[in-house]
Structure formats: structure tokens, C-alpha cells
Protein backbone atom coordinates (compact mmCIF):
# COMPACT_ATOMS: atom_id res chain seq x y z
CA MET A 1 75.90 93.09 98.28
CA THR A 2 74.28 96.28 99.48
CA MET A 3 76.17 99.54 99.23
CA ASP A 4 74.99 101.46 102.30
CA PHE A 5 78.64 102.10 103.29
CA PRO A 6 81.48 102.68 100.84
CA ARG A 7 81.93 98.98 101.28
CA ARG A 8 84.96 97.24 100.22
CA THR A 9 86.48 91.82 99.10
CA PRO A 10 90.80 84.01 98.12
CA VAL A 11 93.04 80.31 99.42
CA PRO A 12 94.63 82.04 96.42
CA ARG A 13 93.75 80.18 93.36
CA ARG A 14 94.71 82.89 90.99
CA ARG A 15 95.29 83.65 89.33
CA PHE A 16 108.44 94.87 92.97
CA LEU A 17 119.75 97.50 97.95
CA ILE A 18 120.96 98.81 98.43
CA GLY A 19 123.11 100.21 101.15
CA ALA A 20 125.08 103.32 100.59
CA GLY A 21 126.37 104.03 97.13
CA ALA A 22 125.65 106.18 94.16
CA LEU A 23 123.79 105.30 91.01
CA LEU A 24 126.09 103.72 88.48
CA ALA A 25 125.36 104.37 84.83
CA ALA A 26 126.26 101.93 82.09
CA PRO A 27 125.47 102.36 78.39
CA ALA A 28 121.69 102.26 77.96
CA VAL A 29 121.23 100.47 81.28
CA LEU A 30 121.26 101.72 84.85
CA ARG A 31 122.66 99.29 87.38
CA PHE A 32 122.51 99.52 91.13
CA PRO A 33 125.10 98.15 93.52
CA VAL A 34 123.77 95.47 95.80
CA ALA A 35 124.64 95.65 99.47
CA ARG A 36 122.88 92.88 101.34
CA LEU A 37 121.80 94.32 104.65
CA ALA A 38 120.65 92.06 107.43
CA PHE A 39 116.92 92.43 107.99
CA GLY A 40 116.30 94.62 111.00
CA ALA A 41 119.87 95.84 111.14
CA GLN A 42 119.99 99.04 113.14
CA LYS A 43 123.33 100.40 111.94
CA ASP A 44 121.73 101.70 108.77
CA PRO A 45 118.50 103.66 109.34
CA PHE A 46 117.83 103.39 105.59
CA SER A 47 117.96 99.60 105.47
CA LEU A 48 114.55 99.48 103.70
CA GLY A 49 115.87 101.52 100.80
CA VAL A 50 114.43 104.51 98.96
CA ALA A 51 111.64 104.92 96.43
CA SER A 52 109.79 107.44 94.31
CA GLY A 53 106.38 107.42 92.74
CA ASP A 54 103.39 109.06 91.05
CA PRO A 55 105.41 111.48 88.92
CA TRP A 56 103.82 114.61 87.47
CA PRO A 57 105.26 117.37 85.22
CA ASP A 58 106.91 119.35 88.02
CA GLY A 59 107.34 116.81 90.81
CA MET A 60 106.88 113.36 92.28
CA VAL A 61 106.83 111.56 95.65
CA LEU A 62 110.14 110.71 97.34
CA TRP A 63 109.97 108.03 100.05
CA THR A 64 112.01 106.38 102.71
CA ARG A 65 111.38 104.90 106.15
CA LEU A 66 113.84 105.21 109.00
CA MET A 67 114.42 101.95 110.85
CA LEU A 68 115.06 103.22 114.37
CA GLY A 69 113.99 100.20 116.38
CA ASP A 70 111.44 97.42 116.18
CA ALA A 71 109.93 97.36 112.68
CA GLY A 72 106.42 96.96 114.05
CA GLU A 73 106.54 99.23 117.08
CA PRO A 74 108.99 102.06 116.39
CA PRO A 75 110.09 104.20 119.35
CA PRO A 76 107.73 107.13 120.12
CA THR A 77 110.25 109.77 119.09
CA ALA A 78 110.50 112.20 116.21
CA ALA A 79 113.48 112.24 113.88
CA THR A 80 114.71 114.71 111.28
CA VAL A 81 115.28 113.47 107.73
CA ASN A 82 117.12 115.74 105.32
CA TRP A 83 116.77 115.20 101.58
CA GLU A 84 118.36 116.33 98.33
CA LEU A 85 117.15 116.24 94.74
CA ALA A 86 119.65 116.87 91.95
CA GLU A 87 119.93 116.92 88.18
CA ASP A 88 122.97 114.61 88.27
CA ASP A 89 123.94 111.50 90.17
CA LYS A 90 126.96 113.24 91.76
CA PHE A 91 124.71 115.93 93.27
CA LYS A 92 126.75 118.77 91.77
CA LYS A 93 123.59 120.48 90.49
CA VAL A 94 121.13 120.29 93.37
CA SER A 95 117.60 121.40 92.50
CA ARG A 96 115.82 121.05 95.84
CA THR A 97 116.71 120.34 99.45
CA GLY A 98 114.65 120.15 102.59
CA SER A 99 114.03 118.46 105.88
CA GLU A 100 111.10 116.45 107.14
CA THR A 101 110.10 115.37 110.61
CA ALA A 102 109.52 111.61 110.70
CA THR A 103 107.22 110.48 113.51
CA SER A 104 106.29 107.13 114.95
CA ASP A 105 102.66 107.73 113.92
CA LEU A 106 103.68 106.80 110.38
CA ALA A 107 106.51 104.45 111.39
CA HIS A 108 109.09 107.18 110.70
CA SER A 109 108.27 107.12 107.00
CA VAL A 110 108.48 110.30 104.94
CA HIS A 111 106.64 111.18 101.75
CA ILE A 112 108.25 114.24 100.17
CA GLU A 113 106.40 115.99 97.32
CA PRO A 114 108.81 118.47 95.71
CA THR A 115 107.33 120.80 93.11
CA GLY A 116 108.55 123.37 90.61
CA LEU A 117 110.85 120.94 88.82
CA LYS A 118 111.56 120.81 85.09
CA PRO A 119 109.14 118.60 83.13
CA GLY A 120 110.25 115.51 81.28
CA ARG A 121 113.66 114.95 82.85
CA TRP A 122 115.51 112.62 85.21
CA TYR A 123 116.53 113.51 88.76
CA TRP A 124 118.54 111.81 91.51
CA TYR A 125 117.69 111.91 95.21
CA ARG A 126 118.99 110.79 98.59
CA PHE A 127 118.27 111.19 102.31
CA HIS A 128 120.39 111.93 105.39
CA HIS A 129 119.83 111.13 109.05
CA ALA A 130 122.21 111.16 112.04
CA GLY A 131 125.30 111.27 109.86
CA VAL A 132 124.16 108.44 107.60
CA THR A 133 123.34 108.90 103.91
CA SER A 134 120.89 106.68 102.12
CA ALA A 135 121.32 104.92 98.81
CA VAL A 136 120.78 107.14 95.78
CA GLY A 137 117.55 106.78 93.87
CA ARG A 138 116.70 107.88 90.36
CA THR A 139 113.34 109.36 89.41
CA ARG A 140 111.79 111.59 86.80
CA THR A 141 109.12 114.13 86.05
CA THR A 142 106.61 113.55 83.27
CA PRO A 143 106.50 115.63 80.08
CA ALA A 144 104.43 118.80 80.05
CA PRO A 145 100.75 118.16 79.26
CA GLY A 146 100.90 119.41 75.65
CA GLU A 147 104.20 117.76 74.79
CA THR A 148 104.32 114.53 72.77
CA PRO A 149 107.43 112.50 73.61
CA GLU A 150 108.71 109.92 71.17
CA ARG A 151 107.85 107.08 73.50
CA PHE A 152 106.58 106.04 76.90
CA ARG A 153 107.88 102.74 78.29
CA PHE A 154 106.65 101.09 81.46
CA ALA A 155 106.79 97.72 83.17
CA PHE A 156 103.76 96.19 84.86
CA ALA A 157 103.94 93.53 87.54
CA SER A 158 102.02 92.08 90.48
CA CYS A 159 101.74 89.19 92.93
CA GLN A 160 105.03 88.70 94.76
CA GLN A 161 104.57 85.99 97.37
CA TYR A 162 107.81 86.19 99.37
CA GLU A 163 108.04 82.48 100.18
CA GLN A 164 107.44 81.08 96.68
CA GLY A 165 110.50 82.47 94.95
CA TYR A 166 113.09 85.22 94.80
CA PHE A 167 112.43 88.66 93.37
CA ALA A 168 114.81 88.29 90.42
CA ALA A 169 112.15 89.90 88.22
CA HIS A 170 112.67 93.15 90.09
CA ARG A 171 116.42 92.99 89.58
CA ARG A 172 115.82 92.76 85.83
CA ILE A 173 113.15 95.48 85.82
CA SER A 174 115.70 97.74 87.53
CA GLU A 175 118.00 97.25 84.53
CA GLU A 176 115.37 98.13 81.93
CA GLU A 177 115.12 101.54 80.26
CA LEU A 178 111.75 102.58 81.69
CA ASP A 179 109.81 105.71 82.50
CA LEU A 180 107.58 104.06 85.11
CA VAL A 181 106.81 100.82 86.92
CA LEU A 182 103.13 99.99 87.41
CA PHE A 183 102.56 97.61 90.29
CA LEU A 184 99.05 96.20 90.17
CA GLY A 185 98.43 94.56 93.52
CA ASP A 186 99.54 91.93 96.04
CA TYR A 187 102.74 93.73 97.05
CA ILE A 188 102.75 91.60 100.18
CA TYR A 189 100.97 88.37 101.06
CA GLU A 190 99.33 88.08 104.42
CA ILE A 191 99.17 84.29 104.23
CA SER A 192 101.58 81.41 103.71
CA TYR A 193 100.63 78.81 101.12
CA GLY A 194 101.97 76.91 98.15
CA ARG A 195 104.69 74.45 97.30
CA THR A 196 108.48 74.69 97.01
CA LYS A 197 109.02 77.54 99.44
CA VAL A 198 112.48 79.07 99.33
CA ARG A 199 112.13 81.35 102.38
CA ALA A 200 109.61 81.99 105.14
CA HIS A 201 107.49 84.81 106.48
CA GLY A 202 108.45 83.65 109.94
CA SER A 203 105.23 84.90 111.51
CA PRO A 204 101.49 84.21 111.36
CA PRO A 205 99.13 86.29 109.19
CA PRO A 206 99.22 89.94 110.29
CA MET A 207 96.19 91.38 112.03
CA THR A 208 97.47 94.53 113.74
CA LEU A 209 99.33 97.59 112.47
CA ALA A 210 102.56 96.40 114.10
CA GLU A 211 102.27 93.03 112.38
CA TYR A 212 101.58 94.55 108.96
CA ARG A 213 104.56 96.88 109.41
CA ARG A 214 106.80 93.90 110.09
CA ARG A 215 105.48 92.08 107.03
CA TYR A 216 106.19 95.08 104.79
CA ALA A 217 109.63 95.53 106.33
CA LEU A 218 110.41 91.88 105.57
CA TYR A 219 109.42 92.25 101.91
CA LYS A 220 111.23 95.55 101.55
CA SER A 221 114.44 94.07 102.95
CA ASP A 222 114.77 92.17 99.65
CA HIS A 223 117.71 93.72 97.79
CA ASN A 224 116.21 93.16 94.33
CA LEU A 225 112.97 94.87 95.27
CA GLN A 226 114.96 97.80 96.68
CA ALA A 227 116.97 98.02 93.46
CA CYS A 228 113.82 98.27 91.39
CA HIS A 229 112.37 101.01 93.58
CA ALA A 230 115.63 102.96 93.42
CA ALA A 231 115.90 102.70 89.62
CA HIS A 232 112.48 103.97 88.54
CA PRO A 233 109.44 105.84 89.79
CA TRP A 234 106.50 103.57 90.59
CA ALA A 235 102.74 103.92 90.57
CA LEU A 236 100.79 101.37 92.60
CA THR A 237 97.37 100.09 93.38
CA TRP A 238 96.42 97.30 95.76
CA ASP A 239 94.48 94.05 95.60
CA ASP A 240 93.35 91.65 98.33
CA HIS A 241 96.54 90.27 99.89
CA GLU A 242 97.60 93.65 101.19
CA VAL A 243 94.75 93.05 103.65
CA GLU A 244 93.23 89.57 103.44
CA ASN A 245 92.71 86.95 100.77
CA ASP A 246 89.46 87.47 98.83
CA TYR A 247 88.04 90.27 100.92
CA ALA A 248 85.27 92.29 99.31
CA ASN A 249 84.57 95.79 100.54
CA ASP A 250 83.93 95.38 104.29
CA ARG A 251 83.42 91.61 104.13
CA ALA A 252 86.08 89.13 105.20
CA GLU A 253 86.52 85.80 103.48
CA ASP A 254 85.80 83.94 106.72
CA LEU A 255 82.87 86.27 107.55
CA LYS A 256 84.49 87.55 110.73
CA PRO A 257 82.54 90.41 112.38
CA ARG A 258 82.59 93.58 110.32
CA ASP A 259 84.05 95.79 113.06
CA ALA A 260 86.98 93.44 113.61
CA PHE A 261 87.65 93.18 109.89
CA MET A 262 87.50 96.95 109.40
CA ARG A 263 90.08 97.41 112.16
CA ARG A 264 92.30 94.98 110.30
CA ARG A 265 91.72 96.80 107.03
CA ALA A 266 92.56 100.16 108.62
CA ALA A 267 95.86 98.73 109.91
CA ALA A 268 96.69 97.20 106.52
CA TYR A 269 95.88 100.39 104.60
CA GLN A 270 98.06 102.47 106.90
CA ALA A 271 101.01 100.08 106.58
CA PHE A 272 100.61 100.13 102.79
CA TYR A 273 100.89 103.92 102.80
CA GLU A 274 103.79 103.95 105.25
CA HIS A 275 105.95 101.69 103.11
CA LEU A 276 105.29 102.96 99.58
CA PRO A 277 105.79 106.20 97.61
CA MET A 278 102.18 107.36 97.74
CA ARG A 279 100.91 110.92 97.61
CA ARG A 280 99.44 112.53 100.70
CA ALA A 281 96.13 112.34 98.86
CA GLN A 282 96.31 108.55 99.37
CA LEU A 283 96.84 108.78 103.15
CA PRO A 284 94.12 106.56 104.69
CA LEU A 285 91.47 107.85 107.04
CA GLY A 286 90.91 104.77 109.16
CA PRO A 287 89.74 101.96 106.85
CA ASP A 288 89.22 104.28 103.85
CA ALA A 289 91.67 105.59 101.26
CA ARG A 290 91.27 107.22 97.85
CA MET A 291 93.41 105.00 95.63
CA TYR A 292 91.98 105.69 92.15
CA ARG A 293 93.66 108.51 90.27
CA THR A 294 95.08 109.51 86.89
CA LEU A 295 98.68 109.97 85.76
CA GLY A 296 99.70 111.55 82.47
CA PHE A 297 102.75 111.29 80.23
CA GLY A 298 102.41 114.41 78.12
CA ALA A 299 99.97 114.11 75.24
CA LEU A 300 101.15 110.57 74.51
CA ALA A 301 99.54 108.62 77.34
CA SER A 302 97.09 108.86 80.21
CA ILE A 303 96.91 106.18 82.91
CA ALA A 304 93.71 105.63 84.87
CA ILE A 305 94.62 103.68 88.02
CA VAL A 306 91.54 102.04 89.49
CA ASP A 307 90.65 100.33 92.77
CA ASP A 308 88.46 97.27 92.25
CA ARG A 309 88.73 96.04 95.85
CA GLN A 310 87.55 98.70 98.29
CA TYR A 311 84.08 99.39 96.89
CA ARG A 312 83.06 96.14 95.21
CA SER A 313 79.88 94.19 95.83
CA TYR A 314 80.23 90.98 97.77
CA HIS A 315 81.17 87.84 95.82
CA ALA A 316 78.28 86.16 94.06
CA CYS A 317 77.09 82.74 95.22
CA PRO A 318 79.92 82.00 97.67
CA LYS A 319 80.40 78.59 99.23
CA PRO A 320 78.16 77.91 102.24
CA GLY A 321 79.33 79.72 105.35
CA ARG A 322 82.06 81.60 103.48
CA GLY A 323 82.71 84.86 101.71
CA GLY A 324 85.19 85.06 98.88
CA ALA A 325 85.44 83.52 95.46
CA ASN A 326 83.72 80.51 93.98
CA VAL A 327 83.41 78.93 90.54
CA VAL A 328 79.80 79.10 89.41
CA GLY A 329 77.66 78.36 86.38
CA ASP A 330 74.87 80.22 84.68
CA ASP A 331 72.53 79.11 87.46
CA CYS A 332 74.04 81.75 89.76
CA ALA A 333 71.56 84.57 89.15
CA GLU A 334 73.32 86.88 91.59
CA ARG A 335 76.38 87.05 89.34
CA VAL A 336 74.49 88.86 86.56
CA ASP A 337 72.57 91.27 88.81
CA PRO A 338 72.89 94.68 87.07
CA LYS A 339 73.24 96.46 90.43
CA ARG A 340 76.51 94.69 91.23
CA THR A 341 79.65 96.81 91.06
CA MET A 342 83.43 96.41 91.08
CA LEU A 343 84.34 100.07 91.33
CA GLY A 344 81.42 101.63 93.19
CA ASP A 345 79.15 104.34 91.79
CA GLU A 346 81.48 107.28 92.47
CA GLN A 347 84.53 105.62 90.91
CA GLU A 348 82.49 104.51 87.90
CA ARG A 349 81.45 108.12 87.30
CA TRP A 350 85.05 109.25 87.70
CA PHE A 351 86.22 106.60 85.21
CA LYS A 352 83.73 107.71 82.56
CA GLU A 353 84.71 111.35 83.06
CA GLN A 354 88.42 110.59 82.71
CA LEU A 355 87.89 108.80 79.43
CA ALA A 356 85.45 111.36 78.06
CA GLY A 357 87.88 114.19 78.78
CA SER A 358 91.04 112.48 77.59
CA LYS A 359 92.98 113.93 74.66
CA SER A 360 95.84 111.45 74.99
CA ARG A 361 97.05 109.28 72.14
CA TRP A 362 96.94 106.19 74.41
CA ASN A 363 94.61 105.57 77.33
CA VAL A 364 95.96 102.94 79.72
CA VAL A 365 93.62 101.37 82.28
CA ALA A 366 95.72 100.01 85.16
CA GLN A 367 93.63 97.60 87.21
CA GLN A 368 94.20 94.52 89.31
CA THR A 369 92.92 91.49 87.43
CA LEU A 370 91.65 90.05 84.12
CA VAL A 371 88.88 92.04 82.41
CA ALA A 372 88.28 89.67 79.48
CA GLN A 373 85.68 86.96 79.95
CA LEU A 374 87.20 83.59 80.86
CA ASP A 375 84.80 80.67 80.52
CA GLU A 376 86.35 77.87 82.58
CA ASN A 377 83.98 75.27 81.21
CA GLU A 378 85.43 71.84 80.49
CA GLY A 379 82.07 70.25 79.77
CA GLN A 380 78.51 71.39 79.28
CA GLY A 381 77.45 74.94 80.09
CA ARG A 382 79.70 77.74 81.28
CA LYS A 383 81.72 78.31 84.46
CA PHE A 384 83.12 81.54 85.85
CA TRP A 385 85.40 82.46 88.72
CA THR A 386 83.67 85.10 90.81
CA GLU A 387 86.73 86.91 92.21
CA GLY A 388 87.54 88.72 88.96
CA TRP A 389 85.46 90.71 86.51
CA ASP A 390 83.64 87.50 85.51
CA GLY A 391 81.94 87.75 88.90
CA TYR A 392 80.69 91.21 87.97
CA PRO A 393 79.67 91.03 84.28
CA ALA A 394 77.26 93.97 84.43
CA ALA A 395 79.97 96.18 85.94
CA ARG A 396 82.40 94.98 83.28
CA GLN A 397 79.92 95.83 80.56
CA ARG A 398 79.57 99.35 81.96
CA MET A 399 83.36 99.71 81.86
CA ILE A 400 83.55 98.44 78.28
CA ASP A 401 80.66 100.68 77.21
CA ALA A 402 82.35 103.67 78.86
CA ILE A 403 85.55 102.94 76.92
CA ALA A 404 83.73 102.51 73.62
CA ASP A 405 81.29 105.40 74.00
CA SER A 406 83.95 107.87 75.12
CA ARG A 407 85.86 107.44 71.87
CA ALA A 408 89.06 107.85 73.87
CA GLN A 409 91.97 106.94 71.62
CA ASN A 410 93.71 103.60 71.85
CA PRO A 411 92.45 102.06 75.10
CA LEU A 412 94.91 99.55 76.54
CA ILE A 413 94.15 97.54 79.70
CA VAL A 414 96.88 96.06 81.90
CA GLY A 415 96.31 93.79 84.88
CA GLY A 416 97.71 91.32 87.36
CA ASP A 417 96.22 89.01 90.02
CA MET A 418 95.85 85.93 87.85
CA HIS A 419 99.41 84.55 88.26
CA THR A 420 99.17 83.95 84.51
CA PHE A 421 100.25 85.90 81.43
CA TYR A 422 97.26 86.77 79.25
CA ALA A 423 96.92 88.58 75.93
CA CYS A 424 93.30 89.28 74.94
CA ASP A 425 90.92 91.31 72.86
CA ILE A 426 88.22 93.12 74.80
CA LYS A 427 84.96 92.56 72.91
CA ARG A 428 81.88 94.73 73.10
CA ASP A 429 79.97 91.46 73.57
CA PHE A 430 82.03 88.46 74.64
CA ASP A 431 79.23 86.06 73.78
CA ASN A 432 79.45 87.12 70.15
CA PRO A 433 82.92 86.41 68.70
CA LYS A 434 82.11 88.73 65.78
CA SER A 435 81.42 91.62 68.11
CA ALA A 436 83.59 94.72 67.80
CA THR A 437 86.94 94.76 69.56
CA VAL A 438 86.95 97.73 71.92
CA ALA A 439 90.38 97.49 73.58
CA SER A 440 93.45 95.31 74.00
CA GLU A 441 94.38 93.68 77.31
CA PHE A 442 97.61 92.29 78.75
CA VAL A 443 98.03 90.62 82.15
CA GLY A 444 101.60 90.43 83.37
CA GLY A 445 101.77 87.09 85.15
CA SER A 446 103.26 87.13 88.66
CA VAL A 447 106.61 88.02 90.15
CA THR A 448 106.62 84.73 92.11
CA SER A 449 103.09 83.58 92.97
CA GLN A 450 102.12 80.13 91.76
CA SER A 451 99.51 79.56 89.07
CA LEU A 452 97.17 76.80 87.94
CA PRO A 453 98.35 73.76 85.97
CA GLN A 454 99.12 74.76 82.39
CA GLU A 455 97.10 71.83 81.06
CA ARG A 456 93.98 73.36 82.57
CA LEU A 457 94.72 76.79 81.12
CA ASP A 458 95.28 75.20 77.69
CA ARG A 459 91.85 73.61 77.85
CA TRP A 460 90.16 76.82 78.94
CA ILE A 461 91.63 79.01 76.23
CA LYS A 462 89.97 76.85 73.57
CA ASN A 463 86.60 78.14 74.79
CA ASN A 464 87.68 81.76 74.66
CA PRO A 465 88.51 82.80 71.08
CA HIS A 466 89.33 86.39 72.13
CA MET A 467 92.33 85.08 74.10
CA TYR A 468 95.71 84.63 72.42
CA LEU A 469 97.80 83.54 75.38
CA ALA A 470 97.29 82.02 78.84
CA ASP A 471 100.66 81.02 80.29
CA GLY A 472 100.98 80.19 83.99
CA ARG A 473 104.26 78.31 83.77
CA ARG A 474 106.43 81.41 83.90
CA HIS A 475 106.98 84.29 86.33
CA GLY A 476 108.04 87.83 85.58
CA TYR A 477 106.49 90.99 84.23
CA GLY A 478 105.22 92.82 81.18
CA ARG A 479 107.00 95.64 79.39
CA CYS A 480 105.02 98.05 77.24
CA THR A 481 106.39 100.67 74.85
CA LEU A 482 103.96 103.27 73.50
CA THR A 483 104.65 105.50 70.49
CA LYS A 484 102.27 107.55 68.39
CA ASN A 485 102.06 104.65 65.92
CA GLY A 486 101.57 101.68 68.19
CA ALA A 487 102.16 99.68 71.33
CA GLN A 488 104.73 96.92 71.75
CA VAL A 489 104.27 94.51 74.66
CA ALA A 490 106.90 92.00 75.72
CA PHE A 491 106.26 89.33 78.33
CA ARG A 492 109.50 88.80 80.27
CA ALA A 493 110.08 85.72 82.44
CA VAL A 494 112.85 84.78 84.85
CA LYS A 495 114.72 81.65 83.87
CA ASP A 496 114.91 80.29 87.42
CA LEU A 497 112.44 81.48 90.05
CA TYR A 498 114.59 79.95 92.78
CA LYS A 499 117.71 82.01 92.02
CA ALA A 500 117.81 85.58 93.31
CA GLU A 501 119.96 86.77 90.40
CA SER A 502 118.27 84.79 87.64
CA GLU A 503 118.42 86.13 84.12
CA VAL A 504 115.23 87.02 82.25
CA GLU A 505 114.03 86.27 78.72
CA THR A 506 111.24 87.52 76.47
CA PHE A 507 108.96 84.59 75.68
CA ALA A 508 106.09 86.37 73.90
CA SER A 509 105.70 89.70 72.10
CA TYR A 510 102.64 91.53 70.80
CA VAL A 511 101.76 94.75 69.02
CA VAL A 512 98.69 96.96 68.93
CA GLU A 513 98.45 99.41 66.04
CA SER A 514 97.29 102.92 66.79
CA GLY A 515 93.67 103.29 65.76
CA LYS A 516 93.18 99.52 65.41
CA PRO A 517 92.25 97.89 68.73
CA GLY A 518 93.21 94.26 68.98
CA VAL A 519 96.21 92.11 69.82
CA LYS A 520 98.64 90.94 67.14
CA LYS A 521 101.68 88.72 67.47
CA ALA A 522 104.89 90.66 66.98
């Protein structure tokens, strides 16, 4: 692909309640009451819930969207939203209050960014409109930059196809003791596909802003997803299904005209912003939005959130007459072209600078997919799937070299997209098993989205000695706990994808020792 414009790119093969009510605290676990509101109900303007995100030492984003009419085409009126932020769940010690004008231009969503708060503490928030009070959400600020907390715990999740299962994983994430939820792409799905559907989108793939708004409103009507947003602050990035399967930069999978696709992308990006707790810095300008950024958790952890979708080179060696992913062998010369990029030149420079300047004990790279090489060969030669980093090996090598050369402490990569749980070592040279291990990587499966047959994954992992797990049978999330001495990662899976209140179990656990990159079984 050529990069004369900040250019942006599958059928998916790969591989996050509340009504009114206060936050209820139980020992060590926060639980949220579930009030099942009918989708599109107009009696409660807060029927899509509340959320917070991107915390910093003295503030965060507080979000809600008023539902004042049709989810896709809200009435062209302005509305006043009042908000409160308190140091207790009874709102006896209110820290900040304010009002915001919600307009139809942003679907009556509000993104409040209070500042001047105390670092490293929990807060509670709620909204008011027309005599109605929203559910209560809980959020937090991060520790001051020089402070080293005892631990930082976060969940990471991705890929929640609405039709393929219930969001029980989010219910269980809401009950975890966490500082943050990292959501790593495919918050919505624009397409319907797969087997054993338990519910339906009820509409064709969205193309316009109104249609994307309705799709987000449908997903956000899920009471478990609302519970998870209300329980913890989130930080998000996007992948392809927020716009279109397997898009790359400004290229559609079906090669539709660029102008038409960019109009669709602009609509999708705006709806993403309208429905999630994003900073004003992430507000799109047409089909462009600055998604990559850094979050810190005192001196213990820094999180580099990257965007591998908006600026990437086109897929290498696609199928005739198509864009999007393919499985190719070593005869695809385009795949190894050193000019190919996943992040774009500007983001690559930013990434190197973030690592070079980091003083954090742990450096988390939050990205959308699998970084480790995955040779899918089941016979002679090698085979690679071009949608992930295997389709951009030169760009991956630049990322790995940047991590290694920066000498940033304890790099830890987390990802999604693959619909499979992976635990891997990141090697300086994947073709040399004795090469130095540069970082550790964990991919958190999917909330619901279906994976490949496990028998195929079992065969593939034999060709990839740096991989310790490839499990596509389960659905759930990863939970990571960082301390000064090490990282503990638990893979958590729902017991029954087709039950909205399913329990969850830990099926695999790993550790990474501080100063010793590489995955070890716990």
C-alpha cells in the first residue's frame, strides 16, 4: 500500500444496568443491581447506562448518552445534563458538580472531564436530566506520577459479537477488584455471521451514522455490559468491526470506492466516540481520529494504547478482486516488504519515544491482535494470516527492536482479535528459537466471538515453540496483576456462553518475573 494519505484495513476468521440505584458494596467485591430496561424505552433517558474512562492523576472522562427519541436520529434539540462526582457512594461528600449541554450533533452524549481531583482514589458519579437520576457509576484517578502503588490490576477483553452469546463475561468483570478495564477492539460487530445465535442484530450492516448509532445502542442496552462500565473505568481502542470487517486504512474489504468507504468510516468513528468514555482529544474529524495515547499508573505501570487499523498498509497478496486478509506462503513477496507498516510512520515514532522515555516498572503495550509469529503450516513450507502482525513482519520487527533497544523495563503485550487465548514469548528473531526473549504476550480470547476448531490450533502450536497456549474453545477475558516483583495473568472463561448470568472460572494462569521476560506457568 502507498501512504500518500494517513490511510487506514475480514468474513471474520479470527481470530464489555442498570436502571436507577446506587452502588452496592460487598466485602472485596462491588456488585451492581440489574434492572433490565427495554431497549429503546423512553421513560428512562439513561437507559444506555453510564461509563468512565481514561483516568489520570486528577481526573477522568465521565460519559452518558440521553435517549430522547430514535436511537439513530435523535431530535434536533439541546438538553441539559447535570452531573455529580463524590468521594462516597451516598454522595455525602461531593467533590465536583456541573452541567453540560447535550446536543443532537453528538447524539446527546456527554463527555465530562473533571480535573483537580485527588490522585489514586475512588470516586462515584451520576447524572440528572428532567427529574430523572441515572445509575451510579464508580471510577478512580490514577496514582501520582512518582508514587509506586503496591499493585495495578486490570482486565483485558475484546470481540463481543452480540448474536453469538451473552455478555456474561462483563458481569463477572464487573465483580472483579480492578483498577481498569482495557478493551482491545471489536466493541460492536457490523456484520451477522456464525453458528448458534442466541439473539439478533435485527438490522442489516450499518452504513450511515444513524445506523451505527442504533447498533451501538443495541449493544449498550445489554445489562451486563452496562454493569461492567459502571463498575470500573475503561480504556479502549478499536479494531475493524467498529467500521467494516478487514478494512485497511482507507481500503474496504470489497474494494468499494474510496470516497464511499471514507464516508462510512467517518460515520463509524463518530458513533464510536458518541457511545464510549473517550477524551475530547479522541473526537473524530471526519474519517480521522487520534486513538493512540499513553496512560500511567504511578511509577508502577505505563500503558501505550496503539491503533493498528487506521494507518496500516493494505493487506499483502489478497484474494483476486478483494481486499482484506488471506493466508499466504513465503512466495508472497509483498508481505515482507520493509516499507509496509501497521502503525504508520508518525505512530511508530511516537511509540519509540514513549518507550525510550518511560521510567515505569512495567510497560504494557495494549494493541488489537497477536504480535507473536504464528506459522499456520500443516505441511511443507510456512503459512501466515495477513490480517495480523504476520502480514506485516517488517513493522513487527521495528516494534520488537524499539522495545528491546529502549531498555524500557518489563515490556508486556496484551491483545485481542484472535478469538483465542494465547500466551507467548516475543522473540527478537522468531525464526531462531534460541533468540533472546524481548517481551511476554497474552491475548485474552473473546467475550463471545467464535474461534477456529481447537484441533487446528493444536496442530499449529506445534510449529511455534514460543507459544505456550492457544485455546479457542473458551470465551472470557484476561486479568493481569502487576507488582514491583512480577506479573500474574489469569485467563478467565465463562462456563456457559449461552447463559447471561453464567459463572466464570480460571482455566490457565501465568507469571512473568520482573527483570526476566518470558512466560511461565503459575
